[in-house]
Amino acid sequence: MEFDPWSPGFVADPYPAYRRLRERGRAIWCEPTNQWLIPHYDDVSAGLRDRRLGRTYLHRFTHEEFGRTPPPAEHEPFHVLNGNGLLDLEAPDHTRIRRLVSKAFTPRTVQSLVPTVQKLAAELVDDLCAEGGGDLLARVAEPLPVAVIAEMLGVPPADRGLLRPWSAAICGMFELNPDEETATAAVRASREFSGYLRELIAERRKDPGEDLISALIAAYDEGDRLSEQEMVSTCVLLLNAGHEATVNTTANGWWTLFRHPEQLELLRAEPGLLPTAIEELLRYDTPLQMFERWVLDDVEIGSTTIPRGSEVALLFGSAHRDPARFADPDHLDLARADNPHLAFGAGIHYCLGAPLARIELAASFGALLRSAPGLRLVREPEWKPGYVIRGLRELPVEI
C-alpha cells in the first residue's frame, strides 16, 4: 500500500505515493486506517462542501446507530472540549456559534493586530540575528503565533509558556489511531487548559477588557449568547488551529526555500512577491495533509459508492499536487497566480483565522527576508512523526 502514514520515509516525502494513489483512482480503500482515501483535487474540494460528509455524526446519530464504538469515558474532557468547537460541529450548532464568534473575531479586530504582529516578528528575528542564528522553529516560528493568540485572548505574559505544551498535547489526538499515552496527555491538557480559561472568563466577566474573551462574552445575536463551554472550546481552537498551521507553514516553508535556492533568491530580489509566495508555500508543502469526514449518507465518488458510516480522508497534500488542477504541480513557483489551494479548508468549515495566519506569515517571512538576507541552513532537519499535522522537529539556521 502506497499510503503509510506511520513510516518516517512517507512522512518526510509523501508526494510520490500521492501520485501513485491518484493514478489508482478517485476513492481508494485503506485497510490500515479503515478509511477511503480521496486523492484528487476536485473530489477533495467538493468533499469539503458536501453536507453528506460531516465532521461529526452526533447531530444525527448515536455512536451505536452509526456503527461506531463510543470513546472511553476517561477521554471525556478531550471530547467535550473538541466537540464544542467550530471545527467539529455541524449545522445548526456550527451556524449559531460561528455567527456569534464572527461578531467578536471581526476583520477589523484582525486588521488592528497588524502592528502588534509586525513588532513581535521583528523582535524575534532581531534576537535570532543577534545570536547569529539558532533553531528557526523554536526561536521565530513557534513564539510568534502563540504570542499573537495570547495577546488576543488577554493571557498574561507570565502564563504564555503554558499554551504551546497544552496545544501540542491536544493536537496529538488528531493523528491517525493515537495511542493511550497520547490520549492521556490530551485529556490532561484539555482539563488544565479548560480550567485555566474558565478562570480567565470569570475575571473578564467582572472586569471586561479590549481582548477577544471579553468580546466573546459580550457577543449576542437575537438574544443568543455563547455558553461558557462554547467560549472555552473556541479559545482552544483559535490557539490550536491558529498556531499549528502557522508554525508548520513557517518552518516547512523555509525548508522548501532552502531546497529551491533560485526561488529564494528571486524572493529576496523581489519582496513584492511575498503574498503569492506564501500562498505557493501553503500549496507546495501544506501543513495539514489530511482532513477526515464521516459519511452521513451514501456518496458516490467516481464509480465507487461509499456507504453511510464510513470515514473518508480528504488528502490535501495530494490535491495540491494534482496536475489536473495545478500546472507543473511539483514545481515551486513563488509567482504562481492561479493557486486555489485548500490549506485553509473550504465550505462552512473554512478557517476563521485564515486572514490572521496570512498576516503572521507575511510578518515573519518579511522580517527574515529583510533582516537576515544571508540566512542559510546548518543541517538537514528531521520530521516529527505526526502525519496529519506535518512539521519539522527543528530548523537550525545561521545568519
Protein backbone atom coordinates (compact mmCIF):
# COMPACT_ATOMS: atom_id res chain seq x y z
CA MET A 1 0.00 0.00 0.00
CA GLU A 2 1.43 3.38 -1.02
CA PHE A 3 -0.20 5.16 1.92
CA ASP A 4 1.89 4.57 5.05
CA PRO A 5 1.41 7.49 7.47
CA TRP A 6 3.44 5.78 10.23
CA SER A 7 6.55 5.45 8.08
CA PRO A 8 9.21 8.17 8.61
CA GLY A 9 10.07 7.94 4.92
CA PHE A 10 6.48 8.56 3.88
CA VAL A 11 6.09 11.47 6.32
CA ALA A 12 9.32 13.04 5.01
CA ASP A 13 8.10 12.89 1.39
CA PRO A 14 4.55 11.64 0.78
CA TYR A 15 4.28 13.14 -2.69
CA PRO A 16 5.48 10.19 -4.85
CA ALA A 17 2.96 7.97 -3.02
CA TYR A 18 0.21 10.53 -3.64
CA ARG A 19 0.97 10.44 -7.36
CA ARG A 20 0.51 6.66 -7.39
CA LEU A 21 -2.73 6.97 -5.40
CA ARG A 22 -4.14 9.46 -7.93
CA GLU A 23 -3.27 7.00 -10.71
CA ARG A 24 -5.16 4.22 -8.90
CA GLY A 25 -8.47 6.05 -8.76
CA ARG A 26 -10.68 8.61 -7.08
CA ALA A 27 -11.53 6.66 -3.90
CA ILE A 28 -9.10 4.04 -2.56
CA TRP A 29 -9.87 1.83 0.44
CA CYS A 30 -7.10 1.84 3.06
CA GLU A 31 -7.32 -1.14 5.41
CA PRO A 32 -4.72 0.06 7.99
CA THR A 33 -6.58 3.32 8.66
CA ASN A 34 -10.09 1.99 7.90
CA GLN A 35 -10.77 4.93 5.57
CA TRP A 36 -11.48 5.80 1.98
CA LEU A 37 -8.60 7.91 0.66
CA ILE A 38 -9.62 10.78 -1.64
CA PRO A 39 -6.52 11.99 -3.54
CA HIS A 40 -7.82 14.22 -6.40
CA TYR A 41 -8.24 17.98 -6.09
CA ASP A 42 -11.78 18.23 -7.48
CA ASP A 43 -13.04 15.46 -5.18
CA VAL A 44 -11.32 16.91 -2.10
CA SER A 45 -12.68 20.38 -2.85
CA ALA A 46 -16.20 19.02 -3.42
CA GLY A 47 -15.95 16.87 -0.28
CA LEU A 48 -15.24 19.90 1.89
CA ARG A 49 -18.51 21.44 0.72
CA ASP A 50 -20.70 18.29 0.66
CA ARG A 51 -23.06 18.26 3.65
CA ARG A 52 -23.42 14.48 3.31
CA LEU A 53 -19.89 14.42 4.76
CA GLY A 54 -19.69 15.64 8.35
CA ARG A 55 -17.01 16.45 10.87
CA THR A 56 -19.31 14.77 13.38
CA TYR A 57 -22.27 12.42 13.10
CA LEU A 58 -23.65 13.03 16.60
CA HIS A 59 -26.10 15.70 15.39
CA ARG A 60 -27.92 12.90 13.52
CA PHE A 61 -26.95 9.55 15.03
CA THR A 62 -25.80 7.95 18.24
CA HIS A 63 -22.46 6.13 18.16
CA GLU A 64 -24.33 2.82 18.07
CA GLU A 65 -26.67 3.87 15.24
CA PHE A 66 -23.65 4.91 13.21
CA GLY A 67 -21.87 1.62 13.82
CA ARG A 68 -19.11 3.19 15.88
CA THR A 69 -17.80 2.47 19.38
CA PRO A 70 -18.20 5.38 21.83
CA PRO A 71 -14.91 6.81 23.08
CA PRO A 72 -13.77 5.66 26.54
CA ALA A 73 -15.38 7.59 29.40
CA GLU A 74 -11.97 8.68 30.68
CA HIS A 75 -11.40 10.60 27.40
CA GLU A 76 -14.46 12.77 28.02
CA PRO A 77 -12.61 16.03 28.88
CA PHE A 78 -10.97 15.99 25.44
CA HIS A 79 -14.17 15.14 23.56
CA VAL A 80 -16.25 17.76 25.40
CA LEU A 81 -13.63 20.39 24.61
CA ASN A 82 -13.19 19.33 20.99
CA GLY A 83 -16.87 18.60 20.37
CA ASN A 84 -17.97 22.12 21.27
CA GLY A 85 -15.54 23.84 18.91
CA LEU A 86 -16.36 25.10 15.42
CA LEU A 87 -14.09 22.61 13.70
CA ASP A 88 -16.06 19.56 14.86
CA LEU A 89 -19.63 20.87 14.76
CA GLU A 90 -22.26 20.74 12.03
CA ALA A 91 -25.34 22.88 11.47
CA PRO A 92 -27.35 24.15 13.23
CA ASP A 93 -24.88 24.40 16.16
CA HIS A 94 -21.98 25.33 13.88
CA THR A 95 -24.02 28.08 12.20
CA ARG A 96 -25.06 29.61 15.51
CA ILE A 97 -21.61 29.53 17.12
CA ARG A 98 -19.77 30.78 14.02
CA ARG A 99 -22.19 33.70 13.75
CA LEU A 100 -21.57 34.65 17.38
CA VAL A 101 -17.79 34.19 17.20
CA SER A 102 -17.69 36.26 14.00
CA LYS A 103 -19.22 39.18 15.93
CA ALA A 104 -16.15 39.14 18.23
CA PHE A 105 -13.45 37.98 15.80
CA THR A 106 -14.13 40.60 13.13
CA PRO A 107 -11.97 41.65 10.14
CA ARG A 108 -11.44 44.95 11.94
CA THR A 109 -10.18 43.11 15.04
CA VAL A 110 -7.75 41.12 12.91
CA GLN A 111 -6.56 44.17 10.98
CA SER A 112 -5.93 46.05 14.23
CA LEU A 113 -3.41 43.34 15.17
CA VAL A 114 -1.11 44.07 12.20
CA PRO A 115 1.23 46.50 14.06
CA THR A 116 1.48 44.11 17.04
CA VAL A 117 2.24 41.12 14.79
CA GLN A 118 4.88 43.03 12.84
CA LYS A 119 6.53 44.30 16.03
CA LEU A 120 6.61 40.82 17.59
CA ALA A 121 8.02 39.29 14.39
CA ALA A 122 10.72 41.96 14.11
CA GLU A 123 11.78 41.46 17.75
CA LEU A 124 12.01 37.67 17.37
CA VAL A 125 14.02 37.96 14.15
CA ASP A 126 16.32 40.61 15.67
CA ASP A 127 17.04 38.29 18.60
CA LEU A 128 17.83 35.42 16.21
CA CYS A 129 20.17 37.67 14.22
CA ALA A 130 21.89 38.96 17.37
CA GLU A 131 22.84 35.39 18.26
CA GLY A 132 24.00 34.59 14.73
CA GLY A 133 21.27 32.00 14.22
CA GLY A 134 19.68 29.10 16.06
CA ASP A 135 16.56 26.97 15.71
CA LEU A 136 14.24 28.99 13.46
CA LEU A 137 11.29 26.87 14.52
CA ALA A 138 11.74 27.40 18.26
CA ARG A 139 13.00 30.99 18.04
CA VAL A 140 10.60 32.52 15.46
CA ALA A 141 8.03 30.10 14.01
CA GLU A 142 6.57 28.92 17.34
CA PRO A 143 6.65 32.01 19.58
CA LEU A 144 5.04 34.42 17.09
CA PRO A 145 1.56 32.87 16.67
CA VAL A 146 1.42 31.84 20.34
CA ALA A 147 2.21 35.41 21.40
CA VAL A 148 -0.38 36.81 19.00
CA ILE A 149 -3.15 34.48 20.19
CA ALA A 150 -2.19 35.14 23.83
CA GLU A 151 -2.32 38.88 23.15
CA MET A 152 -5.76 38.48 21.54
CA LEU A 153 -7.14 36.42 24.41
CA GLY A 154 -5.59 38.63 27.08
CA VAL A 155 -3.42 35.85 28.55
CA PRO A 156 -0.88 37.48 30.90
CA PRO A 157 2.76 37.20 29.68
CA ALA A 158 3.72 35.11 32.72
CA ASP A 159 1.23 32.37 31.69
CA ARG A 160 2.05 32.19 27.98
CA GLY A 161 4.57 29.39 28.36
CA LEU A 162 1.66 27.08 29.27
CA LEU A 163 -0.12 27.45 25.93
CA ARG A 164 2.16 25.67 23.47
CA PRO A 165 2.54 22.43 25.52
CA TRP A 166 -1.24 22.29 26.08
CA SER A 167 -1.87 22.78 22.38
CA ALA A 168 0.70 20.18 21.30
CA ALA A 169 -0.78 17.59 23.68
CA ILE A 170 -4.35 18.21 22.49
CA CYS A 171 -3.37 18.13 18.81
CA GLY A 172 -1.80 14.70 19.29
CA MET A 173 -5.36 13.32 19.21
CA PHE A 174 -5.82 14.46 15.62
CA GLU A 175 -3.25 11.96 14.35
CA LEU A 176 -4.30 8.57 13.00
CA ASN A 177 -5.06 5.96 15.68
CA PRO A 178 -3.47 7.81 18.64
CA ASP A 179 -2.19 5.52 21.40
CA GLU A 180 -3.30 5.62 25.03
CA GLU A 181 -0.29 7.67 26.12
CA THR A 182 -1.22 10.37 23.61
CA ALA A 183 -4.85 10.25 24.75
CA THR A 184 -3.88 10.56 28.42
CA ALA A 185 -1.72 13.62 27.68
CA ALA A 186 -4.53 15.19 25.62
CA VAL A 187 -7.10 14.60 28.37
CA ARG A 188 -4.81 16.14 30.99
CA ALA A 189 -4.11 19.17 28.76
CA SER A 190 -7.83 19.54 27.96
CA ARG A 191 -8.71 19.57 31.65
CA GLU A 192 -5.93 22.02 32.60
CA PHE A 193 -6.45 24.38 29.64
CA SER A 194 -10.23 24.42 30.16
CA GLY A 195 -9.81 25.18 33.87
CA TYR A 196 -7.38 27.99 33.11
CA LEU A 197 -9.75 29.57 30.56
CA ARG A 198 -12.74 29.31 32.89
CA GLU A 199 -10.83 31.37 35.45
CA LEU A 200 -9.87 33.90 32.77
CA ILE A 201 -13.51 34.13 31.59
CA ALA A 202 -14.68 34.68 35.18
CA GLU A 203 -12.17 37.53 35.55
CA ARG A 204 -13.31 39.14 32.28
CA ARG A 205 -16.96 38.92 33.31
CA LYS A 206 -16.11 41.03 36.36
CA ASP A 207 -13.65 43.31 34.60
CA PRO A 208 -14.06 43.36 30.76
CA GLY A 209 -11.15 44.50 28.62
CA GLU A 210 -10.32 45.01 24.95
CA ASP A 211 -9.44 41.34 24.46
CA LEU A 212 -11.24 38.63 22.49
CA ILE A 213 -12.55 36.81 25.58
CA SER A 214 -14.35 40.00 26.66
CA ALA A 215 -15.74 40.31 23.14
CA LEU A 216 -16.93 36.67 23.16
CA ILE A 217 -18.69 37.25 26.48
CA ALA A 218 -20.39 40.34 25.03
CA ALA A 219 -21.32 38.75 21.67
CA TYR A 220 -25.03 38.11 21.25
CA ASP A 221 -27.41 37.64 18.38
CA GLU A 222 -31.20 37.83 18.73
CA GLY A 223 -30.83 37.18 22.45
CA ASP A 224 -28.48 34.22 21.94
CA ARG A 225 -25.07 34.03 23.59
CA LEU A 226 -22.19 31.59 23.74
CA SER A 227 -22.19 29.17 26.66
CA GLU A 228 -19.07 29.06 28.81
CA GLN A 229 -18.10 25.70 27.28
CA GLU A 230 -18.50 27.15 23.76
CA MET A 231 -16.26 30.07 24.71
CA VAL A 232 -13.62 27.73 26.17
CA SER A 233 -13.71 25.49 23.09
CA THR A 234 -13.50 28.50 20.77
CA CYS A 235 -10.43 29.88 22.56
CA VAL A 236 -8.68 26.49 22.47
CA LEU A 237 -9.48 26.07 18.77
CA LEU A 238 -8.12 29.53 17.99
CA LEU A 239 -4.84 28.58 19.66
CA ASN A 240 -4.58 25.04 18.25
CA ALA A 241 -5.67 25.67 14.68
CA GLY A 242 -4.31 29.20 14.67
CA HIS A 243 -0.79 28.36 15.61
CA GLU A 244 -0.16 24.75 14.50
CA ALA A 245 -0.72 25.72 10.85
CA THR A 246 1.32 28.93 11.09
CA VAL A 247 4.24 27.27 12.90
CA ASN A 248 4.49 24.47 10.35
CA THR A 249 3.95 26.70 7.32
CA THR A 250 6.81 28.91 8.52
CA ALA A 251 9.30 26.10 9.19
CA ASN A 252 8.22 23.87 6.27
CA GLY A 253 8.22 26.96 4.04
CA TRP A 254 11.79 27.92 4.87
CA TRP A 255 12.92 24.32 4.43
CA THR A 256 11.28 24.42 0.99
CA LEU A 257 13.00 27.71 0.14
CA PHE A 258 16.41 26.38 1.20
CA ARG A 259 15.90 23.44 -1.20
CA HIS A 260 14.97 25.86 -4.01
CA PRO A 261 17.74 28.47 -3.82
CA GLU A 262 16.83 30.07 -7.15
CA GLN A 263 13.30 30.76 -5.86
CA LEU A 264 14.67 32.09 -2.56
CA GLU A 265 16.98 34.45 -4.45
CA LEU A 266 14.03 35.60 -6.57
CA LEU A 267 12.02 36.36 -3.41
CA ARG A 268 14.93 38.25 -1.87
CA ALA A 269 15.31 40.29 -5.06
CA GLU A 270 11.57 40.90 -5.42
CA PRO A 271 9.96 41.20 -1.96
CA GLY A 272 6.70 42.24 -3.63
CA LEU A 273 6.27 38.55 -4.48
CA LEU A 274 5.75 37.70 -0.79
CA PRO A 275 1.90 37.44 -0.88
CA THR A 276 1.88 34.94 -3.77
CA ALA A 277 4.96 33.21 -2.33
CA ILE A 278 3.11 32.50 0.92
CA GLU A 279 0.17 31.01 -0.98
CA GLU A 280 2.55 28.85 -3.01
CA LEU A 281 4.35 27.60 0.11
CA LEU A 282 0.95 26.72 1.62
CA ARG A 283 0.18 24.71 -1.51
CA TYR A 284 3.57 23.13 -2.13
CA ASP A 285 4.07 21.55 1.30
CA THR A 286 0.83 22.09 3.17
CA PRO A 287 0.96 21.75 6.98
CA LEU A 288 -2.38 19.89 7.21
CA GLN A 289 -2.04 16.83 5.00
CA MET A 290 -5.41 15.22 5.69
CA PHE A 291 -8.89 16.27 6.77
CA GLU A 292 -11.27 13.49 7.85
CA ARG A 293 -15.03 13.39 7.35
CA TRP A 294 -17.79 10.94 8.28
CA VAL A 295 -20.14 9.73 5.56
CA LEU A 296 -23.63 10.67 6.82
CA ASP A 297 -25.44 9.45 3.69
CA ASP A 298 -24.17 7.24 0.88
CA VAL A 299 -21.99 9.18 -1.58
CA GLU A 300 -20.60 8.30 -4.99
CA ILE A 301 -17.08 9.30 -5.93
CA GLY A 302 -16.36 8.22 -9.47
CA SER A 303 -17.64 4.67 -9.82
CA THR A 304 -17.33 3.96 -6.09
CA THR A 305 -20.29 4.11 -3.70
CA ILE A 306 -19.09 4.92 -0.20
CA PRO A 307 -21.70 3.81 2.36
CA ARG A 308 -23.03 5.72 5.33
CA GLY A 309 -20.94 5.06 8.44
CA SER A 310 -17.63 5.14 6.55
CA GLU A 311 -14.85 7.64 7.03
CA VAL A 312 -13.18 9.49 4.17
CA ALA A 313 -9.71 11.02 4.28
CA LEU A 314 -9.51 14.13 2.12
CA LEU A 315 -5.83 14.28 1.16
CA PHE A 316 -4.92 17.97 0.96
CA GLY A 317 -1.26 17.24 0.21
CA SER A 318 -2.22 15.10 -2.78
CA ALA A 319 -4.87 17.54 -4.01
CA HIS A 320 -2.25 20.31 -4.05
CA ARG A 321 -0.03 18.27 -6.38
CA ASP A 322 -2.84 17.23 -8.75
CA PRO A 323 -1.79 18.09 -12.34
CA ALA A 324 -5.47 18.23 -13.31
CA ARG A 325 -5.72 21.45 -11.29
CA PHE A 326 -2.20 22.89 -10.98
CA ALA A 327 0.18 23.38 -13.89
CA ASP A 328 3.51 21.62 -13.21
CA PRO A 329 2.41 20.94 -9.59
CA ASP A 330 5.74 19.54 -8.36
CA HIS A 331 7.47 22.77 -9.38
CA LEU A 332 7.73 25.54 -6.77
CA ASP A 333 6.64 28.78 -8.42
CA LEU A 334 6.54 31.70 -5.98
CA ALA A 335 4.86 33.84 -8.64
CA ARG A 336 2.07 31.28 -9.28
CA ALA A 337 -1.06 33.32 -9.94
CA ASP A 338 -3.72 30.61 -10.32
CA ASN A 339 -3.49 28.96 -6.90
CA PRO A 340 -6.80 27.89 -5.31
CA HIS A 341 -5.13 25.75 -2.63
CA LEU A 342 -7.21 24.21 0.15
CA ALA A 343 -4.80 24.77 3.07
CA PHE A 344 -7.48 26.73 4.96
CA GLY A 345 -10.29 24.34 4.02
CA ALA A 346 -13.49 25.28 2.21
CA GLY A 347 -17.23 25.39 2.80
CA ILE A 348 -18.73 26.03 6.22
CA HIS A 349 -15.53 24.95 7.99
CA TYR A 350 -13.28 27.37 6.10
CA CYS A 351 -10.68 28.60 8.59
CA LEU A 352 -11.96 31.61 10.52
CA GLY A 353 -8.36 32.58 11.30
CA ALA A 354 -7.04 32.50 7.71
CA PRO A 355 -6.65 36.32 7.47
CA LEU A 356 -4.69 36.36 10.74
CA ALA A 357 -2.49 33.45 9.62
CA ARG A 358 -1.63 35.33 6.43
CA ILE A 359 -0.72 38.45 8.43
CA GLU A 360 1.57 36.39 10.72
CA LEU A 361 3.24 34.60 7.80
CA ALA A 362 3.81 37.87 5.93
CA ALA A 363 5.31 39.43 9.07
CA SER A 364 7.73 36.60 9.90
CA PHE A 365 8.83 35.86 6.32
CA GLY A 366 9.13 39.58 5.62
CA ALA A 367 11.22 40.24 8.73
CA LEU A 368 13.57 37.34 7.97
CA LEU A 369 14.00 38.37 4.31
CA ARG A 370 14.81 41.93 5.35
CA SER A 371 16.93 41.41 8.45
CA ALA A 372 18.64 38.10 7.61
CA PRO A 373 19.39 38.24 3.86
CA GLY A 374 22.15 35.67 4.28
CA LEU A 375 20.01 33.17 6.24
CA ARG A 376 21.15 29.63 5.49
CA LEU A 377 20.54 26.11 6.69
CA VAL A 378 23.02 24.46 9.08
CA ARG A 379 21.94 20.85 8.51
CA GLU A 380 19.02 18.93 7.05
CA PRO A 381 16.13 18.84 9.53
CA GLU A 382 14.17 15.83 10.75
CA TRP A 383 10.40 15.47 10.58
CA LYS A 384 8.24 14.88 13.62
CA PRO A 385 6.40 11.52 13.46
CA GLY A 386 2.96 13.09 13.01
CA TYR A 387 1.44 12.91 9.54
CA VAL A 388 -1.93 14.70 9.72
CA ILE A 389 -0.34 17.87 11.17
CA ARG A 390 3.05 17.55 9.48
CA GLY A 391 6.03 19.55 10.68
CA LEU A 392 9.72 19.59 11.46
CA ARG A 393 11.36 18.92 14.84
CA GLU A 394 13.69 21.89 14.34
CA LEU A 395 15.19 24.08 11.62
CA PRO A 396 18.77 25.03 12.51
CA VAL A 397 19.96 28.14 10.66
CA GLU A 398 22.81 30.64 10.74
CA ILE A 399 22.84 34.25 9.61
